[in-house]
Amino acid sequence: MSINVFLSHSRIDKPFVRRLSPDSVASPWVKLEVDVVLKREAFDNQTKILPILYRHCKGPEALSERIYADFTEESRYKEEFERLVRSMGAVFNSRVFESTPGSTLSNAIDGAIKLNLRLLSKPFHRPFQYIGMTVPTAAKEVGQAPNPAGNIVIDNDDCHMLLEVEGNFISYVQVDLKQTAPLYMDQEFDSEPILGALSINPAELDFVRKQSHFHTYYDHAKKLQIIVSCAEDGGPLSVGIGSKYYGM
């Protein structure tokens, strides 16, 4: 059994995961390792030791009061994994348990190429990077000054991109991929190639809602909502990125 831990915005900067089995608890090296981490934990509130019960055994006395994630039974794997991740103060994303080999950045890019969408370069490359940037920094990054309304608009033959400003920061990004037009609101579409054209990895997203004219994803690591949509008949597909409606 392998145990892979996926974290997003954990409040614990230095999690220490210790796998417990009869062999490990009998090891002098493991006992020393646990003692060192416990001392570090006492003086650093960003360090936490997280015991995992891998095989039935009596754990170290120093860890007797800790909550153990119990991975001794295969049927409890998902439940215990979720408990472990939540104990780290992290967001649990159930998608890590799904078998979705097609949802990779490489396959999304391949899908974009099949739709005759080229891989977009700067400033359209990974546009979520602009969220939270100050206006001067974003203007410098994209090479475009704010318009009279204070927003930044970039337009070329491939895309129309809006960086919407709130205060002095970019709060929302929308990219219209012109080459996908004309599309219609009752027409089914595959959103992963659209993400691939922007170098956004669908495997890092949680696909939470699908309707004929829009697909909604959450990026739990960055706490963003990402919507791929056709806003109007005859229009292109758009990718909207923001934090305001994340989790809703």
C-alpha atoms as a PDB file:
ATOM      1  CA  MET A   1       0.000   0.000   0.000  1.00  0.00           C
ATOM      2  CA  SER A   2       1.404   3.382  -0.921  1.00  0.00           C
ATOM      3  CA  ILE A   3       0.361   6.597   0.764  1.00  0.00           C
ATOM      4  CA  ASN A   4       0.505   9.857  -1.146  1.00  0.00           C
ATOM      5  CA  VAL A   5      -0.394  13.076   0.646  1.00  0.00           C
ATOM      6  CA  PHE A   6      -1.766  16.020  -1.355  1.00  0.00           C
ATOM      7  CA  LEU A   7      -1.840  19.410   0.410  1.00  0.00           C
ATOM      8  CA  SER A   8      -3.285  22.776  -0.481  1.00  0.00           C
ATOM      9  CA  HIS A   9      -2.776  25.867   1.619  1.00  0.00           C
ATOM     10  CA  SER A  10      -2.022  23.849   4.727  1.00  0.00           C
ATOM     11  CA  ARG A  11      -1.609  25.907   7.858  1.00  0.00           C
ATOM     12  CA  ILE A  12       1.211  23.510   8.784  1.00  0.00           C
ATOM     13  CA  ASP A  13       4.374  24.438   6.940  1.00  0.00           C
ATOM     14  CA  LYS A  14       6.399  21.434   8.161  1.00  0.00           C
ATOM     15  CA  PRO A  15       4.250  18.299   8.490  1.00  0.00           C
ATOM     16  CA  PHE A  16       6.217  15.222   9.577  1.00  0.00           C
ATOM     17  CA  VAL A  17       4.482  11.978   8.611  1.00  0.00           C
ATOM     18  CA  ARG A  18       5.674   8.907  10.492  1.00  0.00           C
ATOM     19  CA  ARG A  19       4.545   5.466   9.284  1.00  0.00           C
ATOM     20  CA  LEU A  20       4.126   3.042  12.195  1.00  0.00           C
ATOM     21  CA  SER A  21       4.548  -0.725  11.946  1.00  0.00           C
ATOM     22  CA  PRO A  22       6.039  -3.366  14.287  1.00  0.00           C
ATOM     23  CA  ASP A  23       9.433  -2.951  12.621  1.00  0.00           C
ATOM     24  CA  SER A  24       9.445   0.843  12.728  1.00  0.00           C
ATOM     25  CA  VAL A  25       8.469   1.207  16.389  1.00  0.00           C
ATOM     26  CA  ALA A  26      11.221  -1.241  17.336  1.00  0.00           C
ATOM     27  CA  SER A  27      13.833   0.756  15.434  1.00  0.00           C
ATOM     28  CA  PRO A  28      16.184   2.898  17.565  1.00  0.00           C
ATOM     29  CA  TRP A  29      16.562   5.253  14.599  1.00  0.00           C
ATOM     30  CA  VAL A  30      12.809   5.847  14.401  1.00  0.00           C
ATOM     31  CA  LYS A  31      12.626   6.488  18.167  1.00  0.00           C
ATOM     32  CA  LEU A  32      15.398   9.063  17.845  1.00  0.00           C
ATOM     33  CA  GLU A  33      13.711  10.645  14.826  1.00  0.00           C
ATOM     34  CA  VAL A  34      10.395  10.978  16.691  1.00  0.00           C
ATOM     35  CA  ASP A  35      12.144  12.508  19.732  1.00  0.00           C
ATOM     36  CA  VAL A  36      13.849  15.111  17.534  1.00  0.00           C
ATOM     37  CA  VAL A  37      10.614  16.102  15.804  1.00  0.00           C
ATOM     38  CA  LEU A  38       8.678  16.274  19.093  1.00  0.00           C
ATOM     39  CA  LYS A  39      11.265  18.692  20.474  1.00  0.00           C
ATOM     40  CA  ARG A  40      11.068  20.773  17.307  1.00  0.00           C
ATOM     41  CA  GLU A  41       7.267  20.749  17.509  1.00  0.00           C
ATOM     42  CA  ALA A  42       7.387  22.099  21.075  1.00  0.00           C
ATOM     43  CA  PHE A  43       9.205  25.223  19.926  1.00  0.00           C
ATOM     44  CA  ASP A  44       7.731  25.694  16.442  1.00  0.00           C
ATOM     45  CA  ASN A  45       3.971  25.868  15.956  1.00  0.00           C
ATOM     46  CA  GLN A  46       4.424  25.320  12.208  1.00  0.00           C
ATOM     47  CA  THR A  47       5.747  21.781  12.774  1.00  0.00           C
ATOM     48  CA  LYS A  48       3.422  18.877  13.501  1.00  0.00           C
ATOM     49  CA  ILE A  49       3.995  15.150  13.741  1.00  0.00           C
ATOM     50  CA  LEU A  50       1.314  13.028  12.056  1.00  0.00           C
ATOM     51  CA  PRO A  51       1.338   9.307  12.964  1.00  0.00           C
ATOM     52  CA  ILE A  52       0.055   6.812  10.387  1.00  0.00           C
ATOM     53  CA  LEU A  53      -0.759   3.264  11.501  1.00  0.00           C
ATOM     54  CA  TYR A  54       0.474   1.128   8.610  1.00  0.00           C
ATOM     55  CA  ARG A  55       0.495  -2.238  10.400  1.00  0.00           C
ATOM     56  CA  HIS A  56      -1.116  -3.053  13.773  1.00  0.00           C
ATOM     57  CA  CYS A  57       1.326  -2.265  16.569  1.00  0.00           C
ATOM     58  CA  LYS A  58       1.662  -0.358  19.818  1.00  0.00           C
ATOM     59  CA  GLY A  59       2.936   3.078  18.940  1.00  0.00           C
ATOM     60  CA  PRO A  60       5.554   5.094  20.850  1.00  0.00           C
ATOM     61  CA  GLU A  61       4.320   6.299  24.240  1.00  0.00           C
ATOM     62  CA  ALA A  62       5.060   9.896  23.249  1.00  0.00           C
ATOM     63  CA  LEU A  63       2.469   9.626  20.481  1.00  0.00           C
ATOM     64  CA  SER A  64      -0.223   7.832  22.487  1.00  0.00           C
ATOM     65  CA  GLU A  65      -2.471  10.903  22.697  1.00  0.00           C
ATOM     66  CA  ARG A  66      -2.244  11.700  18.989  1.00  0.00           C
ATOM     67  CA  ILE A  67      -4.928  11.022  16.404  1.00  0.00           C
ATOM     68  CA  TYR A  68      -3.705   8.160  14.244  1.00  0.00           C
ATOM     69  CA  ALA A  69      -4.682   7.737  10.645  1.00  0.00           C
ATOM     70  CA  ASP A  70      -5.370   4.007  10.385  1.00  0.00           C
ATOM     71  CA  PHE A  71      -4.278   2.536   7.047  1.00  0.00           C
ATOM     72  CA  THR A  72      -4.276  -1.082   8.215  1.00  0.00           C
ATOM     73  CA  GLU A  73      -7.490  -1.844   6.280  1.00  0.00           C
ATOM     74  CA  GLU A  74      -7.806  -1.154   2.569  1.00  0.00           C
ATOM     75  CA  SER A  75     -11.546  -0.437   2.880  1.00  0.00           C
ATOM     76  CA  ARG A  76     -10.844   2.525   5.185  1.00  0.00           C
ATOM     77  CA  TYR A  77      -8.169   4.099   3.007  1.00  0.00           C
ATOM     78  CA  LYS A  78     -10.225   7.010   1.623  1.00  0.00           C
ATOM     79  CA  GLU A  79     -11.861   7.825   4.977  1.00  0.00           C
ATOM     80  CA  GLU A  80      -8.533   7.805   6.830  1.00  0.00           C
ATOM     81  CA  PHE A  81      -6.745   9.712   4.084  1.00  0.00           C
ATOM     82  CA  GLU A  82      -9.351  12.472   4.328  1.00  0.00           C
ATOM     83  CA  ARG A  83      -8.979  12.588   8.121  1.00  0.00           C
ATOM     84  CA  LEU A  84      -5.187  12.830   7.797  1.00  0.00           C
ATOM     85  CA  VAL A  85      -5.331  15.668   5.278  1.00  0.00           C
ATOM     86  CA  ARG A  86      -7.919  17.613   7.272  1.00  0.00           C
ATOM     87  CA  SER A  87      -5.770  17.264  10.399  1.00  0.00           C
ATOM     88  CA  MET A  88      -3.110  19.214   8.489  1.00  0.00           C
ATOM     89  CA  GLY A  89      -5.540  22.087   8.012  1.00  0.00           C
ATOM     90  CA  ALA A  90      -5.666  21.357   4.294  1.00  0.00           C
ATOM     91  CA  VAL A  91      -8.454  21.126   1.739  1.00  0.00           C
ATOM     92  CA  PHE A  92      -9.364  17.529   0.915  1.00  0.00           C
ATOM     93  CA  ASN A  93      -9.837  17.008  -2.820  1.00  0.00           C
ATOM     94  CA  SER A  94     -11.649  13.733  -3.556  1.00  0.00           C
ATOM     95  CA  ARG A  95     -10.394  13.871  -7.151  1.00  0.00           C
ATOM     96  CA  VAL A  96      -7.048  12.410  -6.062  1.00  0.00           C
ATOM     97  CA  PHE A  97      -8.860   9.065  -5.753  1.00  0.00           C
ATOM     98  CA  GLU A  98     -10.396   9.135  -9.212  1.00  0.00           C
ATOM     99  CA  SER A  99      -8.841   7.201 -12.054  1.00  0.00           C
ATOM    100  CA  THR A 100      -8.698   9.878 -14.738  1.00  0.00           C
ATOM    101  CA  PRO A 101      -5.596   9.165 -16.815  1.00  0.00           C
ATOM    102  CA  GLY A 102      -6.812  11.509 -19.561  1.00  0.00           C
ATOM    103  CA  SER A 103      -6.896  14.533 -17.260  1.00  0.00           C
ATOM    104  CA  THR A 104      -3.275  15.590 -17.631  1.00  0.00           C
ATOM    105  CA  LEU A 105      -1.726  18.751 -18.962  1.00  0.00           C
ATOM    106  CA  SER A 106      -0.047  16.807 -21.765  1.00  0.00           C
ATOM    107  CA  ASN A 107      -3.339  15.312 -22.934  1.00  0.00           C
ATOM    108  CA  ALA A 108      -5.123  18.654 -22.594  1.00  0.00           C
ATOM    109  CA  ILE A 109      -2.491  20.287 -24.801  1.00  0.00           C
ATOM    110  CA  ASP A 110      -2.825  17.444 -27.321  1.00  0.00           C
ATOM    111  CA  GLY A 111      -6.576  18.071 -27.318  1.00  0.00           C
ATOM    112  CA  ALA A 112      -6.012  21.773 -27.979  1.00  0.00           C
ATOM    113  CA  ILE A 113      -3.772  20.988 -30.943  1.00  0.00           C
ATOM    114  CA  LYS A 114      -6.461  18.693 -32.399  1.00  0.00           C
ATOM    115  CA  LEU A 115      -8.860  21.644 -32.207  1.00  0.00           C
ATOM    116  CA  ASN A 116      -6.275  23.782 -34.048  1.00  0.00           C
ATOM    117  CA  LEU A 117      -5.661  25.809 -30.905  1.00  0.00           C
ATOM    118  CA  ARG A 118      -2.017  26.579 -30.437  1.00  0.00           C
ATOM    119  CA  LEU A 119      -0.351  26.606 -27.029  1.00  0.00           C
ATOM    120  CA  LEU A 120      -0.635  30.235 -25.984  1.00  0.00           C
ATOM    121  CA  SER A 121       2.415  32.087 -24.782  1.00  0.00           C
ATOM    122  CA  LYS A 122       2.834  35.157 -22.598  1.00  0.00           C
ATOM    123  CA  PRO A 123       0.708  37.062 -21.624  1.00  0.00           C
ATOM    124  CA  PHE A 124      -1.982  34.374 -21.964  1.00  0.00           C
ATOM    125  CA  HIS A 125       0.136  31.560 -20.538  1.00  0.00           C
ATOM    126  CA  ARG A 126      -1.284  30.373 -17.135  1.00  0.00           C
ATOM    127  CA  PRO A 127      -3.418  33.506 -16.642  1.00  0.00           C
ATOM    128  CA  PHE A 128      -4.303  32.668 -13.032  1.00  0.00           C
ATOM    129  CA  GLN A 129      -0.868  34.074 -12.195  1.00  0.00           C
ATOM    130  CA  TYR A 130      -2.272  37.609 -12.416  1.00  0.00           C
ATOM    131  CA  ILE A 131      -4.815  37.118  -9.619  1.00  0.00           C
ATOM    132  CA  GLY A 132      -3.685  39.154  -6.615  1.00  0.00           C
ATOM    133  CA  MET A 133      -0.998  41.086  -8.512  1.00  0.00           C
ATOM    134  CA  THR A 134      -0.851  44.826  -8.043  1.00  0.00           C
ATOM    135  CA  VAL A 135      -1.965  46.831 -11.075  1.00  0.00           C
ATOM    136  CA  PRO A 136       1.532  48.237 -11.821  1.00  0.00           C
ATOM    137  CA  THR A 137       3.074  44.750 -11.631  1.00  0.00           C
ATOM    138  CA  ALA A 138       0.401  43.213 -13.858  1.00  0.00           C
ATOM    139  CA  ALA A 139       0.679  46.084 -16.374  1.00  0.00           C
ATOM    140  CA  LYS A 140       4.424  45.506 -16.574  1.00  0.00           C
ATOM    141  CA  GLU A 141       3.986  41.739 -16.944  1.00  0.00           C
ATOM    142  CA  VAL A 142       1.549  41.998 -19.858  1.00  0.00           C
ATOM    143  CA  GLY A 143       3.044  45.134 -21.430  1.00  0.00           C
ATOM    144  CA  GLN A 144      -0.228  47.050 -21.408  1.00  0.00           C
ATOM    145  CA  ALA A 145      -1.285  50.129 -19.411  1.00  0.00           C
ATOM    146  CA  PRO A 146      -4.651  50.219 -17.606  1.00  0.00           C
ATOM    147  CA  ASN A 147      -7.576  51.699 -19.529  1.00  0.00           C
ATOM    148  CA  PRO A 148      -9.621  54.711 -18.227  1.00  0.00           C
ATOM    149  CA  ALA A 149     -11.733  52.331 -16.103  1.00  0.00           C
ATOM    150  CA  GLY A 150      -8.568  51.056 -14.433  1.00  0.00           C
ATOM    151  CA  ASN A 151      -8.728  47.570 -15.972  1.00  0.00           C
ATOM    152  CA  ILE A 152      -6.100  46.054 -18.243  1.00  0.00           C
ATOM    153  CA  VAL A 153      -7.158  44.734 -21.644  1.00  0.00           C
ATOM    154  CA  ILE A 154      -4.954  42.739 -24.014  1.00  0.00           C
ATOM    155  CA  ASP A 155      -6.200  41.900 -27.488  1.00  0.00           C
ATOM    156  CA  ASN A 156      -4.666  40.085 -30.446  1.00  0.00           C
ATOM    157  CA  ASP A 157      -5.720  37.640 -33.161  1.00  0.00           C
ATOM    158  CA  ASP A 158      -5.870  34.710 -30.714  1.00  0.00           C
ATOM    159  CA  CYS A 159      -7.357  36.129 -27.540  1.00  0.00           C
ATOM    160  CA  HIS A 160      -9.083  38.956 -25.771  1.00  0.00           C
ATOM    161  CA  MET A 161      -8.013  39.101 -22.124  1.00  0.00           C
ATOM    162  CA  LEU A 162      -9.454  41.269 -19.371  1.00  0.00           C
ATOM    163  CA  LEU A 163      -7.632  41.795 -16.083  1.00  0.00           C
ATOM    164  CA  GLU A 164     -10.282  43.252 -13.810  1.00  0.00           C
ATOM    165  CA  VAL A 165      -9.103  45.490 -11.008  1.00  0.00           C
ATOM    166  CA  GLU A 166     -10.458  45.804  -7.479  1.00  0.00           C
ATOM    167  CA  GLY A 167      -8.663  48.458  -5.468  1.00  0.00           C
ATOM    168  CA  ASN A 168      -5.072  48.196  -6.604  1.00  0.00           C
ATOM    169  CA  PHE A 169      -5.112  44.468  -7.292  1.00  0.00           C
ATOM    170  CA  ILE A 170      -6.206  42.117 -10.067  1.00  0.00           C
ATOM    171  CA  SER A 171      -9.270  40.254  -8.781  1.00  0.00           C
ATOM    172  CA  TYR A 172     -10.570  38.526 -11.908  1.00  0.00           C
ATOM    173  CA  VAL A 173      -9.200  37.368 -15.254  1.00  0.00           C
ATOM    174  CA  GLN A 174     -11.184  36.479 -18.352  1.00  0.00           C
ATOM    175  CA  VAL A 175      -9.668  35.107 -21.536  1.00  0.00           C
ATOM    176  CA  ASP A 176     -11.796  34.761 -24.693  1.00  0.00           C
ATOM    177  CA  LEU A 177     -10.270  32.290 -27.159  1.00  0.00           C
ATOM    178  CA  LYS A 178     -11.342  33.796 -30.457  1.00  0.00           C
ATOM    179  CA  GLN A 179     -10.553  30.738 -32.554  1.00  0.00           C
ATOM    180  CA  THR A 180     -13.278  28.726 -30.814  1.00  0.00           C
ATOM    181  CA  ALA A 181     -16.044  30.944 -32.262  1.00  0.00           C
ATOM    182  CA  PRO A 182     -18.737  30.536 -33.353  1.00  0.00           C
ATOM    183  CA  LEU A 183     -20.048  28.354 -30.533  1.00  0.00           C
ATOM    184  CA  TYR A 184     -23.609  28.080 -29.237  1.00  0.00           C
ATOM    185  CA  MET A 185     -24.887  27.864 -25.676  1.00  0.00           C
ATOM    186  CA  ASP A 186     -26.714  24.569 -26.250  1.00  0.00           C
ATOM    187  CA  GLN A 187     -23.668  22.993 -27.903  1.00  0.00           C
ATOM    188  CA  GLU A 188     -21.616  20.483 -25.901  1.00  0.00           C
ATOM    189  CA  PHE A 189     -17.890  21.132 -25.647  1.00  0.00           C
ATOM    190  CA  ASP A 190     -14.782  19.684 -24.032  1.00  0.00           C
ATOM    191  CA  SER A 191     -13.247  22.186 -21.626  1.00  0.00           C
ATOM    192  CA  GLU A 192      -9.939  20.383 -21.020  1.00  0.00           C
ATOM    193  CA  PRO A 193      -8.344  21.344 -24.397  1.00  0.00           C
ATOM    194  CA  ILE A 194      -9.296  24.961 -23.663  1.00  0.00           C
ATOM    195  CA  LEU A 195      -7.467  24.765 -20.354  1.00  0.00           C
ATOM    196  CA  GLY A 196      -4.574  23.069 -22.119  1.00  0.00           C
ATOM    197  CA  ALA A 197      -4.208  25.954 -24.573  1.00  0.00           C
ATOM    198  CA  LEU A 198      -3.641  28.208 -21.551  1.00  0.00           C
ATOM    199  CA  SER A 199      -1.250  25.700 -19.919  1.00  0.00           C
ATOM    200  CA  ILE A 200      -3.685  25.083 -17.061  1.00  0.00           C
ATOM    201  CA  ASN A 201      -3.407  21.492 -15.838  1.00  0.00           C
ATOM    202  CA  PRO A 202      -6.882  19.938 -15.427  1.00  0.00           C
ATOM    203  CA  ALA A 203      -5.390  17.281 -13.138  1.00  0.00           C
ATOM    204  CA  GLU A 204      -4.780  20.047 -10.561  1.00  0.00           C
ATOM    205  CA  LEU A 205      -8.455  21.092 -10.634  1.00  0.00           C
ATOM    206  CA  ASP A 206     -11.646  19.728  -9.137  1.00  0.00           C
ATOM    207  CA  PHE A 207     -14.375  19.524 -11.827  1.00  0.00           C
ATOM    208  CA  VAL A 208     -17.471  20.416  -9.797  1.00  0.00           C
ATOM    209  CA  ARG A 209     -20.247  21.405 -12.214  1.00  0.00           C
ATOM    210  CA  LYS A 210     -21.166  20.817 -15.848  1.00  0.00           C
ATOM    211  CA  GLN A 211     -23.918  22.441 -17.862  1.00  0.00           C
ATOM    212  CA  SER A 212     -24.256  22.741 -21.609  1.00  0.00           C
ATOM    213  CA  HIS A 213     -22.770  26.223 -21.801  1.00  0.00           C
ATOM    214  CA  PHE A 214     -20.356  26.251 -18.843  1.00  0.00           C
ATOM    215  CA  HIS A 215     -18.042  23.969 -16.877  1.00  0.00           C
ATOM    216  CA  THR A 216     -16.949  24.935 -13.358  1.00  0.00           C
ATOM    217  CA  TYR A 217     -13.684  23.912 -11.724  1.00  0.00           C
ATOM    218  CA  TYR A 218     -12.093  24.695  -8.363  1.00  0.00           C
ATOM    219  CA  ASP A 219      -8.368  25.102  -7.893  1.00  0.00           C
ATOM    220  CA  HIS A 220      -8.136  24.246  -4.197  1.00  0.00           C
ATOM    221  CA  ALA A 221      -4.429  25.011  -3.968  1.00  0.00           C
ATOM    222  CA  LYS A 222      -4.931  28.601  -5.123  1.00  0.00           C
ATOM    223  CA  LYS A 223      -8.544  28.900  -3.865  1.00  0.00           C
ATOM    224  CA  LEU A 224      -9.839  29.914  -7.278  1.00  0.00           C
ATOM    225  CA  GLN A 225     -12.967  29.222  -9.269  1.00  0.00           C
ATOM    226  CA  ILE A 226     -12.318  28.583 -12.972  1.00  0.00           C
ATOM    227  CA  ILE A 227     -15.228  28.598 -15.420  1.00  0.00           C
ATOM    228  CA  VAL A 228     -14.989  27.605 -19.080  1.00  0.00           C
ATOM    229  CA  SER A 229     -18.104  28.899 -20.823  1.00  0.00           C
ATOM    230  CA  CYS A 230     -19.873  30.089 -23.941  1.00  0.00           C
ATOM    231  CA  ALA A 231     -21.442  33.352 -22.826  1.00  0.00           C
ATOM    232  CA  GLU A 232     -23.531  33.955 -25.942  1.00  0.00           C
ATOM    233  CA  ASP A 233     -24.577  32.237 -29.153  1.00  0.00           C
ATOM    234  CA  GLY A 234     -21.997  32.765 -31.870  1.00  0.00           C
ATOM    235  CA  GLY A 235     -19.321  33.728 -29.364  1.00  0.00           C
ATOM    236  CA  PRO A 236     -16.038  32.056 -28.396  1.00  0.00           C
ATOM    237  CA  LEU A 237     -15.279  29.939 -25.372  1.00  0.00           C
ATOM    238  CA  SER A 238     -14.075  31.986 -22.417  1.00  0.00           C
ATOM    239  CA  VAL A 239     -12.083  31.072 -19.327  1.00  0.00           C
ATOM    240  CA  GLY A 240     -12.933  33.138 -16.246  1.00  0.00           C
ATOM    241  CA  ILE A 241     -10.712  32.945 -13.160  1.00  0.00           C
ATOM    242  CA  GLY A 242     -11.424  34.507  -9.775  1.00  0.00           C
ATOM    243  CA  SER A 243     -11.615  33.831  -6.054  1.00  0.00           C
ATOM    244  CA  LYS A 244     -14.916  35.550  -5.190  1.00  0.00           C
ATOM    245  CA  TYR A 245     -17.124  32.496  -5.795  1.00  0.00           C
ATOM    246  CA  TYR A 246     -14.627  29.788  -4.912  1.00  0.00           C
ATOM    247  CA  GLY A 247     -16.363  27.004  -2.999  1.00  0.00           C
ATOM    248  CA  MET A 248     -19.875  28.219  -3.823  1.00  0.00           C
END
